Amino acid sequence: MQLDKFTVKSQEAIQAAQQAAQNKGNQELQPEHLVKAILEQPEGVVVPVLQKMGVNPSQVLAETGQLIEALPRVSGAGAKSRVQWPSIPHSSCSTNPSQESIRSPSRTSKASFAALRGVVSA
């Protein structure tokens, strides 16, 4: 990933998400970490947009926090040494719906984006 291609706010959100994952003992950076980081940006645009849409950002943040708490953790020596991006199996990226190898989204992915359902439906 080329971070220099992202905006400054995006870079800050990714760094904050990585730090949050590391602090919680999560080995992989998940969408929940990024949602949390975006919602906690002091001068970000997401919170005002959600508010204008009638979505309570505090509630979304609380639900995201619960999802992060449910993620697997590692502990012990070196557990917080590196946070990795999750790998995406090639078969899950297929554009052919007739293939049996297409995987459905994980429960965690569904739940993390359920918190932002109001954004998509507007």
PDB file of N, CA and C in Angstrom:
ATOM      1  N   MET A   1       0.843  -1.162   0.000  1.00  0.00           N
ATOM      2  CA  MET A   1       0.000   0.000   0.000  1.00  0.00           C
ATOM      3  C   MET A   1       0.892   1.231   0.000  1.00  0.00           C
ATOM      4  N   GLN A   2       0.550   2.186  -0.801  1.00  0.00           N
ATOM      5  CA  GLN A   2       1.320   3.425  -0.892  1.00  0.00           C
ATOM      6  C   GLN A   2       0.592   4.521  -0.122  1.00  0.00           C
ATOM      7  N   LEU A   3       1.028   4.734   1.120  1.00  0.00           N
ATOM      8  CA  LEU A   3       0.359   5.722   1.966  1.00  0.00           C
ATOM      9  C   LEU A   3       0.468   7.135   1.418  1.00  0.00           C
ATOM     10  N   ASP A   4       1.510   7.396   0.631  1.00  0.00           N
ATOM     11  CA  ASP A   4       1.671   8.745   0.086  1.00  0.00           C
ATOM     12  C   ASP A   4       0.580   9.101  -0.925  1.00  0.00           C
ATOM     13  N   LYS A   5      -0.183   8.123  -1.372  1.00  0.00           N
ATOM     14  CA  LYS A   5      -1.286   8.364  -2.307  1.00  0.00           C
ATOM     15  C   LYS A   5      -2.568   8.777  -1.573  1.00  0.00           C
ATOM     16  N   PHE A   6      -2.583   8.653  -0.242  1.00  0.00           N
ATOM     17  CA  PHE A   6      -3.746   8.986   0.558  1.00  0.00           C
ATOM     18  C   PHE A   6      -3.679  10.443   1.025  1.00  0.00           C
ATOM     19  N   THR A   7      -4.834  10.994   1.374  1.00  0.00           N
ATOM     20  CA  THR A   7      -4.855  12.334   1.954  1.00  0.00           C
ATOM     21  C   THR A   7      -4.230  12.281   3.343  1.00  0.00           C
ATOM     22  N   VAL A   8      -3.891  13.447   3.877  1.00  0.00           N
ATOM     23  CA  VAL A   8      -3.290  13.512   5.215  1.00  0.00           C
ATOM     24  C   VAL A   8      -4.257  12.926   6.247  1.00  0.00           C
ATOM     25  N   LYS A   9      -5.536  13.274   6.158  1.00  0.00           N
ATOM     26  CA  LYS A   9      -6.532  12.747   7.097  1.00  0.00           C
ATOM     27  C   LYS A   9      -6.651  11.228   6.988  1.00  0.00           C
ATOM     28  N   SER A  10      -6.577  10.706   5.787  1.00  0.00           N
ATOM     29  CA  SER A  10      -6.633   9.254   5.588  1.00  0.00           C
ATOM     30  C   SER A  10      -5.413   8.585   6.200  1.00  0.00           C
ATOM     31  N   GLN A  11      -4.241   9.176   5.998  1.00  0.00           N
ATOM     32  CA  GLN A  11      -3.013   8.640   6.588  1.00  0.00           C
ATOM     33  C   GLN A  11      -3.108   8.636   8.109  1.00  0.00           C
ATOM     34  N   GLU A  12      -3.638   9.720   8.669  1.00  0.00           N
ATOM     35  CA  GLU A  12      -3.798   9.801  10.121  1.00  0.00           C
ATOM     36  C   GLU A  12      -4.765   8.725  10.623  1.00  0.00           C
ATOM     37  N   ALA A  13      -5.850   8.515   9.891  1.00  0.00           N
ATOM     38  CA  ALA A  13      -6.831   7.502  10.292  1.00  0.00           C
ATOM     39  C   ALA A  13      -6.222   6.103  10.247  1.00  0.00           C
ATOM     40  N   ILE A  14      -5.452   5.811   9.228  1.00  0.00           N
ATOM     41  CA  ILE A  14      -4.819   4.494   9.115  1.00  0.00           C
ATOM     42  C   ILE A  14      -3.824   4.290  10.249  1.00  0.00           C
ATOM     43  N   GLN A  15      -3.030   5.306  10.543  1.00  0.00           N
ATOM     44  CA  GLN A  15      -2.063   5.193  11.645  1.00  0.00           C
ATOM     45  C   GLN A  15      -2.775   5.018  12.979  1.00  0.00           C
ATOM     46  N   ALA A  16      -3.849   5.768  13.196  1.00  0.00           N
ATOM     47  CA  ALA A  16      -4.611   5.634  14.440  1.00  0.00           C
ATOM     48  C   ALA A  16      -5.258   4.252  14.535  1.00  0.00           C
ATOM     49  N   ALA A  17      -5.746   3.730  13.422  1.00  0.00           N
ATOM     50  CA  ALA A  17      -6.355   2.401  13.400  1.00  0.00           C
ATOM     51  C   ALA A  17      -5.312   1.332  13.726  1.00  0.00           C
ATOM     52  N   GLN A  18      -4.125   1.469  13.163  1.00  0.00           N
ATOM     53  CA  GLN A  18      -3.053   0.516  13.464  1.00  0.00           C
ATOM     54  C   GLN A  18      -2.682   0.569  14.940  1.00  0.00           C
ATOM     55  N   GLN A  19      -2.609   1.764  15.492  1.00  0.00           N
ATOM     56  CA  GLN A  19      -2.281   1.927  16.909  1.00  0.00           C
ATOM     57  C   GLN A  19      -3.376   1.322  17.782  1.00  0.00           C
ATOM     58  N   ALA A  20      -4.635   1.543  17.409  1.00  0.00           N
ATOM     59  CA  ALA A  20      -5.752   0.979  18.170  1.00  0.00           C
ATOM     60  C   ALA A  20      -5.707  -0.545  18.153  1.00  0.00           C
ATOM     61  N   ALA A  21      -5.431  -1.123  16.998  1.00  0.00           N
ATOM     62  CA  ALA A  21      -5.330  -2.579  16.890  1.00  0.00           C
ATOM     63  C   ALA A  21      -4.193  -3.094  17.753  1.00  0.00           C
ATOM     64  N   GLN A  22      -3.084  -2.422  17.707  1.00  0.00           N
ATOM     65  CA  GLN A  22      -1.923  -2.832  18.500  1.00  0.00           C
ATOM     66  C   GLN A  22      -2.222  -2.727  19.990  1.00  0.00           C
ATOM     67  N   ASN A  23      -2.857  -1.635  20.404  1.00  0.00           N
ATOM     68  CA  ASN A  23      -3.186  -1.448  21.817  1.00  0.00           C
ATOM     69  C   ASN A  23      -4.144  -2.502  22.349  1.00  0.00           C
ATOM     70  N   LYS A  24      -5.023  -2.996  21.500  1.00  0.00           N
ATOM     71  CA  LYS A  24      -5.999  -4.018  21.903  1.00  0.00           C
ATOM     72  C   LYS A  24      -5.455  -5.441  21.749  1.00  0.00           C
ATOM     73  N   GLY A  25      -4.245  -5.573  21.218  1.00  0.00           N
ATOM     74  CA  GLY A  25      -3.672  -6.903  21.042  1.00  0.00           C
ATOM     75  C   GLY A  25      -4.215  -7.630  19.834  1.00  0.00           C
ATOM     76  N   ASN A  26      -4.773  -6.898  18.880  1.00  0.00           N
ATOM     77  CA  ASN A  26      -5.271  -7.502  17.652  1.00  0.00           C
ATOM     78  C   ASN A  26      -4.137  -7.571  16.642  1.00  0.00           C
ATOM     79  N   GLN A  27      -3.936  -8.732  16.034  1.00  0.00           N
ATOM     80  CA  GLN A  27      -2.844  -8.887  15.075  1.00  0.00           C
ATOM     81  C   GLN A  27      -3.162  -8.305  13.719  1.00  0.00           C
ATOM     82  N   GLU A  28      -4.431  -8.260  13.372  1.00  0.00           N
ATOM     83  CA  GLU A  28      -4.815  -7.745  12.061  1.00  0.00           C
ATOM     84  C   GLU A  28      -5.601  -6.458  12.211  1.00  0.00           C
ATOM     85  N   LEU A  29      -5.379  -5.564  11.285  1.00  0.00           N
ATOM     86  CA  LEU A  29      -6.155  -4.333  11.207  1.00  0.00           C
ATOM     87  C   LEU A  29      -7.476  -4.674  10.531  1.00  0.00           C
ATOM     88  N   GLN A  30      -8.571  -4.419  11.219  1.00  0.00           N
ATOM     89  CA  GLN A  30      -9.900  -4.751  10.717  1.00  0.00           C
ATOM     90  C   GLN A  30     -10.671  -3.469  10.393  1.00  0.00           C
ATOM     91  N   PRO A  31     -11.746  -3.565   9.621  1.00  0.00           N
ATOM     92  CA  PRO A  31     -12.544  -2.379   9.309  1.00  0.00           C
ATOM     93  C   PRO A  31     -13.020  -1.654  10.568  1.00  0.00           C
ATOM     94  N   GLU A  32     -13.278  -2.402  11.636  1.00  0.00           N
ATOM     95  CA  GLU A  32     -13.725  -1.786  12.882  1.00  0.00           C
ATOM     96  C   GLU A  32     -12.697  -0.788  13.412  1.00  0.00           C
ATOM     97  N   HIS A  33     -11.417  -1.120  13.307  1.00  0.00           N
ATOM     98  CA  HIS A  33     -10.367  -0.208  13.767  1.00  0.00           C
ATOM     99  C   HIS A  33     -10.378   1.085  12.961  1.00  0.00           C
ATOM    100  N   LEU A  34     -10.573   0.955  11.676  1.00  0.00           N
ATOM    101  CA  LEU A  34     -10.588   2.135  10.805  1.00  0.00           C
ATOM    102  C   LEU A  34     -11.832   2.993  11.052  1.00  0.00           C
ATOM    103  N   VAL A  35     -12.974   2.357  11.251  1.00  0.00           N
ATOM    104  CA  VAL A  35     -14.195   3.108  11.556  1.00  0.00           C
ATOM    105  C   VAL A  35     -14.004   3.890  12.844  1.00  0.00           C
ATOM    106  N   LYS A  36     -13.445   3.230  13.859  1.00  0.00           N
ATOM    107  CA  LYS A  36     -13.197   3.898  15.140  1.00  0.00           C
ATOM    108  C   LYS A  36     -12.275   5.103  14.956  1.00  0.00           C
ATOM    109  N   ALA A  37     -11.204   4.913  14.220  1.00  0.00           N
ATOM    110  CA  ALA A  37     -10.244   6.003  14.004  1.00  0.00           C
ATOM    111  C   ALA A  37     -10.886   7.172  13.259  1.00  0.00           C
ATOM    112  N   ILE A  38     -11.698   6.879  12.276  1.00  0.00           N
ATOM    113  CA  ILE A  38     -12.355   7.940  11.500  1.00  0.00           C
ATOM    114  C   ILE A  38     -13.350   8.705  12.370  1.00  0.00           C
ATOM    115  N   LEU A  39     -14.085   7.986  13.200  1.00  0.00           N
ATOM    116  CA  LEU A  39     -15.063   8.639  14.066  1.00  0.00           C
ATOM    117  C   LEU A  39     -14.407   9.474  15.164  1.00  0.00           C
ATOM    118  N   GLU A  40     -13.170   9.159  15.499  1.00  0.00           N
ATOM    119  CA  GLU A  40     -12.470   9.883  16.562  1.00  0.00           C
ATOM    120  C   GLU A  40     -11.597  11.020  16.040  1.00  0.00           C
ATOM    121  N   GLN A  41     -11.559  11.238  14.736  1.00  0.00           N
ATOM    122  CA  GLN A  41     -10.766  12.342  14.195  1.00  0.00           C
ATOM    123  C   GLN A  41     -11.369  13.672  14.629  1.00  0.00           C
ATOM    124  N   PRO A  42     -10.561  14.523  15.279  1.00  0.00           N
ATOM    125  CA  PRO A  42     -11.093  15.776  15.805  1.00  0.00           C
ATOM    126  C   PRO A  42     -11.641  16.729  14.743  1.00  0.00           C
ATOM    127  N   GLU A  43     -11.030  16.798  13.591  1.00  0.00           N
ATOM    128  CA  GLU A  43     -11.482  17.715  12.548  1.00  0.00           C
ATOM    129  C   GLU A  43     -11.929  16.964  11.295  1.00  0.00           C
ATOM    130  N   GLY A  44     -12.359  15.735  11.486  1.00  0.00           N
ATOM    131  CA  GLY A  44     -12.788  14.927  10.357  1.00  0.00           C
ATOM    132  C   GLY A  44     -14.141  15.347   9.828  1.00  0.00           C
ATOM    133  N   VAL A  45     -14.458  14.896   8.643  1.00  0.00           N
ATOM    134  CA  VAL A  45     -15.726  15.254   8.010  1.00  0.00           C
ATOM    135  C   VAL A  45     -16.819  14.213   8.243  1.00  0.00           C
ATOM    136  N   VAL A  46     -16.457  13.032   8.701  1.00  0.00           N
ATOM    137  CA  VAL A  46     -17.427  11.947   8.828  1.00  0.00           C
ATOM    138  C   VAL A  46     -18.466  12.230   9.907  1.00  0.00           C
ATOM    139  N   VAL A  47     -18.027  12.675  11.070  1.00  0.00           N
ATOM    140  CA  VAL A  47     -18.967  12.924  12.173  1.00  0.00           C
ATOM    141  C   VAL A  47     -20.022  13.964  11.789  1.00  0.00           C
ATOM    142  N   PRO A  48     -19.649  15.128  11.239  1.00  0.00           N
ATOM    143  CA  PRO A  48     -20.692  16.090  10.834  1.00  0.00           C
ATOM    144  C   PRO A  48     -21.638  15.543   9.761  1.00  0.00           C
ATOM    145  N   VAL A  49     -21.110  14.739   8.843  1.00  0.00           N
ATOM    146  CA  VAL A  49     -21.968  14.160   7.799  1.00  0.00           C
ATOM    147  C   VAL A  49     -22.971  13.204   8.430  1.00  0.00           C
ATOM    148  N   LEU A  50     -22.505  12.352   9.346  1.00  0.00           N
ATOM    149  CA  LEU A  50     -23.412  11.423  10.027  1.00  0.00           C
ATOM    150  C   LEU A  50     -24.482  12.183  10.800  1.00  0.00           C
ATOM    151  N   GLN A  51     -24.082  13.250  11.474  1.00  0.00           N
ATOM    152  CA  GLN A  51     -25.036  14.043  12.247  1.00  0.00           C
ATOM    153  C   GLN A  51     -26.094  14.662  11.338  1.00  0.00           C
ATOM    154  N   LYS A  52     -25.691  15.174  10.192  1.00  0.00           N
ATOM    155  CA  LYS A  52     -26.650  15.765   9.254  1.00  0.00           C
ATOM    156  C   LYS A  52     -27.615  14.723   8.710  1.00  0.00           C
ATOM    157  N   MET A  53     -27.168  13.470   8.697  1.00  0.00           N
ATOM    158  CA  MET A  53     -28.013  12.382   8.209  1.00  0.00           C
ATOM    159  C   MET A  53     -28.907  11.821   9.307  1.00  0.00           C
ATOM    160  N   GLY A  54     -28.762  12.334  10.530  1.00  0.00           N
ATOM    161  CA  GLY A  54     -29.570  11.845  11.631  1.00  0.00           C
ATOM    162  C   GLY A  54     -29.007  10.623  12.320  1.00  0.00           C
ATOM    163  N   VAL A  55     -27.757  10.289  12.033  1.00  0.00           N
ATOM    164  CA  VAL A  55     -27.098   9.148  12.653  1.00  0.00           C
ATOM    165  C   VAL A  55     -26.300   9.662  13.848  1.00  0.00           C
ATOM    166  N   ASN A  56     -26.419   8.979  14.978  1.00  0.00           N
ATOM    167  CA  ASN A  56     -25.713   9.372  16.184  1.00  0.00           C
ATOM    168  C   ASN A  56     -24.286   8.806  16.144  1.00  0.00           C
ATOM    169  N   PRO A  57     -23.257   9.640  15.907  1.00  0.00           N
ATOM    170  CA  PRO A  57     -21.880   9.144  15.834  1.00  0.00           C
ATOM    171  C   PRO A  57     -21.401   8.474  17.130  1.00  0.00           C
ATOM    172  N   SER A  58     -21.894   8.959  18.265  1.00  0.00           N
ATOM    173  CA  SER A  58     -21.499   8.350  19.544  1.00  0.00           C
ATOM    174  C   SER A  58     -21.993   6.914  19.648  1.00  0.00           C
ATOM    175  N   GLN A  59     -23.190   6.676  19.153  1.00  0.00           N
ATOM    176  CA  GLN A  59     -23.740   5.323  19.169  1.00  0.00           C
ATOM    177  C   GLN A  59     -22.945   4.415  18.223  1.00  0.00           C
ATOM    178  N   VAL A  60     -22.626   4.928  17.044  1.00  0.00           N
ATOM    179  CA  VAL A  60     -21.835   4.147  16.091  1.00  0.00           C
ATOM    180  C   VAL A  60     -20.467   3.833  16.696  1.00  0.00           C
ATOM    181  N   LEU A  61     -19.862   4.822  17.359  1.00  0.00           N
ATOM    182  CA  LEU A  61     -18.566   4.625  17.993  1.00  0.00           C
ATOM    183  C   LEU A  61     -18.656   3.580  19.102  1.00  0.00           C
ATOM    184  N   ALA A  62     -19.717   3.633  19.906  1.00  0.00           N
ATOM    185  CA  ALA A  62     -19.895   2.654  20.986  1.00  0.00           C
ATOM    186  C   ALA A  62     -20.062   1.241  20.427  1.00  0.00           C
ATOM    187  N   GLU A  63     -20.875   1.108  19.369  1.00  0.00           N
ATOM    188  CA  GLU A  63     -21.074  -0.205  18.759  1.00  0.00           C
ATOM    189  C   GLU A  63     -19.784  -0.710  18.117  1.00  0.00           C
ATOM    190  N   THR A  64     -19.034   0.194  17.529  1.00  0.00           N
ATOM    191  CA  THR A  64     -17.751  -0.187  16.929  1.00  0.00           C
ATOM    192  C   THR A  64     -16.790  -0.661  18.015  1.00  0.00           C
ATOM    193  N   GLY A  65     -16.795   0.028  19.147  1.00  0.00           N
ATOM    194  CA  GLY A  65     -15.958  -0.387  20.275  1.00  0.00           C
ATOM    195  C   GLY A  65     -16.304  -1.787  20.755  1.00  0.00           C
ATOM    196  N   GLN A  66     -17.597  -2.105  20.779  1.00  0.00           N
ATOM    197  CA  GLN A  66     -18.020  -3.456  21.173  1.00  0.00           C
ATOM    198  C   GLN A  66     -17.523  -4.500  20.174  1.00  0.00           C
ATOM    199  N   LEU A  67     -17.569  -4.160  18.903  1.00  0.00           N
ATOM    200  CA  LEU A  67     -17.083  -5.085  17.877  1.00  0.00           C
ATOM    201  C   LEU A  67     -15.584  -5.309  18.015  1.00  0.00           C
ATOM    202  N   ILE A  68     -14.850  -4.240  18.325  1.00  0.00           N
ATOM    203  CA  ILE A  68     -13.401  -4.369  18.509  1.00  0.00           C
ATOM    204  C   ILE A  68     -13.096  -5.250  19.719  1.00  0.00           C
ATOM    205  N   GLU A  69     -13.873  -5.081  20.785  1.00  0.00           N
ATOM    206  CA  GLU A  69     -13.671  -5.909  21.981  1.00  0.00           C
ATOM    207  C   GLU A  69     -13.886  -7.390  21.689  1.00  0.00           C
ATOM    208  N   ALA A  70     -14.728  -7.698  20.711  1.00  0.00           N
ATOM    209  CA  ALA A  70     -15.017  -9.095  20.370  1.00  0.00           C
ATOM    210  C   ALA A  70     -13.971  -9.724  19.453  1.00  0.00           C
ATOM    211  N   LEU A  71     -13.054  -8.909  18.916  1.00  0.00           N
ATOM    212  CA  LEU A  71     -12.029  -9.451  18.009  1.00  0.00           C
ATOM    213  C   LEU A  71     -11.023 -10.295  18.783  1.00  0.00           C
ATOM    214  N   PRO A  72     -10.434 -11.295  18.136  1.00  0.00           N
ATOM    215  CA  PRO A  72      -9.422 -12.117  18.790  1.00  0.00           C
ATOM    216  C   PRO A  72      -8.197 -11.286  19.181  1.00  0.00           C
ATOM    217  N   ARG A  73      -7.594 -11.659  20.306  1.00  0.00           N
ATOM    218  CA  ARG A  73      -6.412 -10.960  20.811  1.00  0.00           C
ATOM    219  C   ARG A  73      -5.271 -11.942  20.986  1.00  0.00           C
ATOM    220  N   VAL A  74      -4.084 -11.404  20.931  1.00  0.00           N
ATOM    221  CA  VAL A  74      -2.898 -12.195  21.238  1.00  0.00           C
ATOM    222  C   VAL A  74      -2.197 -11.536  22.411  1.00  0.00           C
ATOM    223  N   SER A  75      -1.466 -12.332  23.144  1.00  0.00           N
ATOM    224  CA  SER A  75      -0.722 -11.790  24.276  1.00  0.00           C
ATOM    225  C   SER A  75       0.613 -12.511  24.370  1.00  0.00           C
ATOM    226  N   GLY A  76       1.480 -11.983  25.215  1.00  0.00           N
ATOM    227  CA  GLY A  76       2.797 -12.578  25.384  1.00  0.00           C
ATOM    228  C   GLY A  76       3.862 -11.733  24.723  1.00  0.00           C
ATOM    229  N   ALA A  77       5.078 -12.226  24.786  1.00  0.00           N
ATOM    230  CA  ALA A  77       6.223 -11.499  24.236  1.00  0.00           C
ATOM    231  C   ALA A  77       6.053 -11.301  22.736  1.00  0.00           C
ATOM    232  N   GLY A  78       6.202 -10.079  22.306  1.00  0.00           N
ATOM    233  CA  GLY A  78       6.139  -9.767  20.884  1.00  0.00           C
ATOM    234  C   GLY A  78       4.744  -9.694  20.312  1.00  0.00           C
ATOM    235  N   ALA A  79       3.718  -9.818  21.143  1.00  0.00           N
ATOM    236  CA  ALA A  79       2.343  -9.817  20.642  1.00  0.00           C
ATOM    237  C   ALA A  79       1.973  -8.486  20.006  1.00  0.00           C
ATOM    238  N   LYS A  80       2.529  -7.392  20.522  1.00  0.00           N
ATOM    239  CA  LYS A  80       2.174  -6.074  20.004  1.00  0.00           C
ATOM    240  C   LYS A  80       3.223  -5.541  19.036  1.00  0.00           C
ATOM    241  N   SER A  81       4.042  -6.416  18.519  1.00  0.00           N
ATOM    242  CA  SER A  81       5.146  -5.945  17.686  1.00  0.00           C
ATOM    243  C   SER A  81       4.713  -5.490  16.295  1.00  0.00           C
ATOM    244  N   ARG A  82       3.671  -6.090  15.736  1.00  0.00           N
ATOM    245  CA  ARG A  82       3.301  -5.734  14.371  1.00  0.00           C
ATOM    246  C   ARG A  82       1.838  -6.039  14.108  1.00  0.00           C
ATOM    247  N   VAL A  83       1.153  -5.086  13.513  1.00  0.00           N
ATOM    248  CA  VAL A  83      -0.234  -5.272  13.096  1.00  0.00           C
ATOM    249  C   VAL A  83      -0.234  -5.469  11.596  1.00  0.00           C
ATOM    250  N   GLN A  84      -0.940  -6.498  11.122  1.00  0.00           N
ATOM    251  CA  GLN A  84      -0.962  -6.808   9.702  1.00  0.00           C
ATOM    252  C   GLN A  84      -2.319  -6.476   9.105  1.00  0.00           C
ATOM    253  N   TRP A  85      -2.292  -6.164   7.813  1.00  0.00           N
ATOM    254  CA  TRP A  85      -3.535  -6.023   7.062  1.00  0.00           C
ATOM    255  C   TRP A  85      -4.067  -7.417   6.828  1.00  0.00           C
ATOM    256  N   PRO A  86      -5.379  -7.624   6.919  1.00  0.00           N
ATOM    257  CA  PRO A  86      -5.924  -8.962   6.664  1.00  0.00           C
ATOM    258  C   PRO A  86      -5.720  -9.357   5.212  1.00  0.00           C
ATOM    259  N   SER A  87      -5.496 -10.639   4.999  1.00  0.00           N
ATOM    260  CA  SER A  87      -5.339 -11.104   3.626  1.00  0.00           C
ATOM    261  C   SER A  87      -6.720 -11.388   3.045  1.00  0.00           C
ATOM    262  N   ILE A  88      -6.861 -11.135   1.770  1.00  0.00           N
ATOM    263  CA  ILE A  88      -8.129 -11.369   1.078  1.00  0.00           C
ATOM    264  C   ILE A  88      -7.901 -12.524   0.108  1.00  0.00           C
ATOM    265  N   PRO A  89      -8.555 -13.657   0.353  1.00  0.00           N
ATOM    266  CA  PRO A  89      -8.380 -14.787  -0.557  1.00  0.00           C
ATOM    267  C   PRO A  89      -8.802 -14.417  -1.971  1.00  0.00           C
ATOM    268  N   HIS A  90      -8.048 -14.888  -2.939  1.00  0.00           N
ATOM    269  CA  HIS A  90      -8.334 -14.584  -4.343  1.00  0.00           C
ATOM    270  C   HIS A  90      -9.749 -14.980  -4.708  1.00  0.00           C
ATOM    271  N   SER A  91     -10.223 -16.099  -4.184  1.00  0.00           N
ATOM    272  CA  SER A  91     -11.554 -16.573  -4.556  1.00  0.00           C
ATOM    273  C   SER A  91     -12.651 -15.632  -4.096  1.00  0.00           C
ATOM    274  N   SER A  92     -12.409 -14.852  -3.043  1.00  0.00           N
ATOM    275  CA  SER A  92     -13.446 -13.943  -2.562  1.00  0.00           C
ATOM    276  C   SER A  92     -13.555 -12.702  -3.429  1.00  0.00           C
ATOM    277  N   CYS A  93     -12.601 -12.497  -4.327  1.00  0.00           N
ATOM    278  CA  CYS A  93     -12.604 -11.325  -5.200  1.00  0.00           C
ATOM    279  C   CYS A  93     -13.183 -11.637  -6.573  1.00  0.00           C
ATOM    280  N   SER A  94     -13.680 -12.817  -6.772  1.00  0.00           N
ATOM    281  CA  SER A  94     -14.186 -13.216  -8.074  1.00  0.00           C
ATOM    282  C   SER A  94     -15.400 -12.391  -8.471  1.00  0.00           C
ATOM    283  N   THR A  95     -15.509 -12.125  -9.748  1.00  0.00           N
ATOM    284  CA  THR A  95     -16.661 -11.383 -10.247  1.00  0.00           C
ATOM    285  C   THR A  95     -17.687 -12.307 -10.891  1.00  0.00           C
ATOM    286  N   ASN A  96     -17.427 -13.590 -10.901  1.00  0.00           N
ATOM    287  CA  ASN A  96     -18.332 -14.542 -11.504  1.00  0.00           C
ATOM    288  C   ASN A  96     -19.221 -15.151 -10.413  1.00  0.00           C
ATOM    289  N   PRO A  97     -20.489 -14.740 -10.308  1.00  0.00           N
ATOM    290  CA  PRO A  97     -21.341 -15.224  -9.228  1.00  0.00           C
ATOM    291  C   PRO A  97     -21.688 -16.701  -9.328  1.00  0.00           C
ATOM    292  N   SER A  98     -21.426 -17.325 -10.459  1.00  0.00           N
ATOM    293  CA  SER A  98     -21.749 -18.739 -10.590  1.00  0.00           C
ATOM    294  C   SER A  98     -20.679 -19.634  -9.974  1.00  0.00           C
ATOM    295  N   GLN A  99     -19.548 -19.070  -9.606  1.00  0.00           N
ATOM    296  CA  GLN A  99     -18.484 -19.871  -9.013  1.00  0.00           C
ATOM    297  C   GLN A  99     -18.841 -20.236  -7.582  1.00  0.00           C
ATOM    298  N   GLU A 100     -18.613 -21.493  -7.223  1.00  0.00           N
ATOM    299  CA  GLU A 100     -18.905 -21.940  -5.875  1.00  0.00           C
ATOM    300  C   GLU A 100     -17.875 -21.440  -4.871  1.00  0.00           C
ATOM    301  N   SER A 101     -16.751 -20.966  -5.337  1.00  0.00           N
ATOM    302  CA  SER A 101     -15.673 -20.582  -4.435  1.00  0.00           C
ATOM    303  C   SER A 101     -15.871 -19.214  -3.803  1.00  0.00           C
ATOM    304  N   ILE A 102     -16.913 -18.484  -4.216  1.00  0.00           N
ATOM    305  CA  ILE A 102     -17.141 -17.161  -3.644  1.00  0.00           C
ATOM    306  C   ILE A 102     -17.557 -17.323  -2.187  1.00  0.00           C
ATOM    307  N   ARG A 103     -16.903 -16.559  -1.346  1.00  0.00           N
ATOM    308  CA  ARG A 103     -17.193 -16.642   0.077  1.00  0.00           C
ATOM    309  C   ARG A 103     -18.107 -15.501   0.480  1.00  0.00           C
ATOM    310  N   SER A 104     -18.971 -15.782   1.429  1.00  0.00           N
ATOM    311  CA  SER A 104     -19.815 -14.704   1.949  1.00  0.00           C
ATOM    312  C   SER A 104     -19.013 -13.918   2.970  1.00  0.00           C
ATOM    313  N   PRO A 105     -19.373 -12.651   3.208  1.00  0.00           N
ATOM    314  CA  PRO A 105     -18.646 -11.849   4.178  1.00  0.00           C
ATOM    315  C   PRO A 105     -18.707 -12.474   5.563  1.00  0.00           C
ATOM    316  N   SER A 106     -17.667 -12.277   6.347  1.00  0.00           N
ATOM    317  CA  SER A 106     -17.625 -12.822   7.693  1.00  0.00           C
ATOM    318  C   SER A 106     -18.636 -12.110   8.580  1.00  0.00           C
ATOM    319  N   ARG A 107     -18.948 -12.720   9.702  1.00  0.00           N
ATOM    320  CA  ARG A 107     -19.882 -12.129  10.658  1.00  0.00           C
ATOM    321  C   ARG A 107     -19.340 -10.790  11.129  1.00  0.00           C
ATOM    322  N   THR A 108     -18.038 -10.706  11.348  1.00  0.00           N
ATOM    323  CA  THR A 108     -17.432  -9.468  11.820  1.00  0.00           C
ATOM    324  C   THR A 108     -17.583  -8.361  10.787  1.00  0.00           C
ATOM    325  N   SER A 109     -17.339  -8.676   9.523  1.00  0.00           N
ATOM    326  CA  SER A 109     -17.475  -7.664   8.483  1.00  0.00           C
ATOM    327  C   SER A 109     -18.905  -7.168   8.380  1.00  0.00           C
ATOM    328  N   LYS A 110     -19.862  -8.084   8.456  1.00  0.00           N
ATOM    329  CA  LYS A 110     -21.263  -7.691   8.383  1.00  0.00           C
ATOM    330  C   LYS A 110     -21.614  -6.782   9.548  1.00  0.00           C
ATOM    331  N   ALA A 111     -21.158  -7.146  10.740  1.00  0.00           N
ATOM    332  CA  ALA A 111     -21.499  -6.370  11.928  1.00  0.00           C
ATOM    333  C   ALA A 111     -20.844  -4.998  11.907  1.00  0.00           C
ATOM    334  N   SER A 112     -19.601  -4.920  11.406  1.00  0.00           N
ATOM    335  CA  SER A 112     -18.915  -3.638  11.408  1.00  0.00           C
ATOM    336  C   SER A 112     -19.579  -2.642  10.473  1.00  0.00           C
ATOM    337  N   PHE A 113     -20.108  -3.118   9.377  1.00  0.00           N
ATOM    338  CA  PHE A 113     -20.749  -2.213   8.452  1.00  0.00           C
ATOM    339  C   PHE A 113     -22.221  -2.004   8.771  1.00  0.00           C
ATOM    340  N   ALA A 114     -22.781  -2.864   9.616  1.00  0.00           N
ATOM    341  CA  ALA A 114     -24.157  -2.654  10.052  1.00  0.00           C
ATOM    342  C   ALA A 114     -24.269  -1.370  10.857  1.00  0.00           C
ATOM    343  N   ALA A 115     -23.204  -1.010  11.544  1.00  0.00           N
ATOM    344  CA  ALA A 115     -23.201   0.223  12.331  1.00  0.00           C
ATOM    345  C   ALA A 115     -23.306   1.448  11.456  1.00  0.00           C
ATOM    346  N   LEU A 116     -22.916   1.327  10.196  1.00  0.00           N
ATOM    347  CA  LEU A 116     -22.945   2.468   9.272  1.00  0.00           C
ATOM    348  C   LEU A 116     -24.064   2.326   8.232  1.00  0.00           C
ATOM    349  N   ARG A 117     -25.029   1.480   8.509  1.00  0.00           N
ATOM    350  CA  ARG A 117     -26.106   1.224   7.559  1.00  0.00           C
ATOM    351  C   ARG A 117     -26.861   2.499   7.181  1.00  0.00           C
ATOM    352  N   GLY A 118     -27.013   3.412   8.113  1.00  0.00           N
ATOM    353  CA  GLY A 118     -27.707   4.662   7.832  1.00  0.00           C
ATOM    354  C   GLY A 118     -27.009   5.484   6.772  1.00  0.00           C
ATOM    355  N   VAL A 119     -25.686   5.396   6.712  1.00  0.00           N
ATOM    356  CA  VAL A 119     -24.924   6.149   5.724  1.00  0.00           C
ATOM    357  C   VAL A 119     -25.204   5.618   4.331  1.00  0.00           C
ATOM    358  N   VAL A 120     -25.266   4.317   4.198  1.00  0.00           N
ATOM    359  CA  VAL A 120     -25.462   3.692   2.892  1.00  0.00           C
ATOM    360  C   VAL A 120     -26.880   3.883   2.400  1.00  0.00           C
ATOM    361  N   SER A 121     -27.836   3.836   3.284  1.00  0.00           N
ATOM    362  CA  SER A 121     -29.228   3.902   2.866  1.00  0.00           C
ATOM    363  C   SER A 121     -29.694   5.312   2.522  1.00  0.00           C
ATOM    364  N   ALA A 122     -28.904   6.312   2.901  1.00  0.00           N
ATOM    365  CA  ALA A 122     -29.324   7.699   2.641  1.00  0.00           C
ATOM    366  C   ALA A 122     -29.027   8.140   1.221  1.00  0.00           C
TER     367      ALA A 122
END
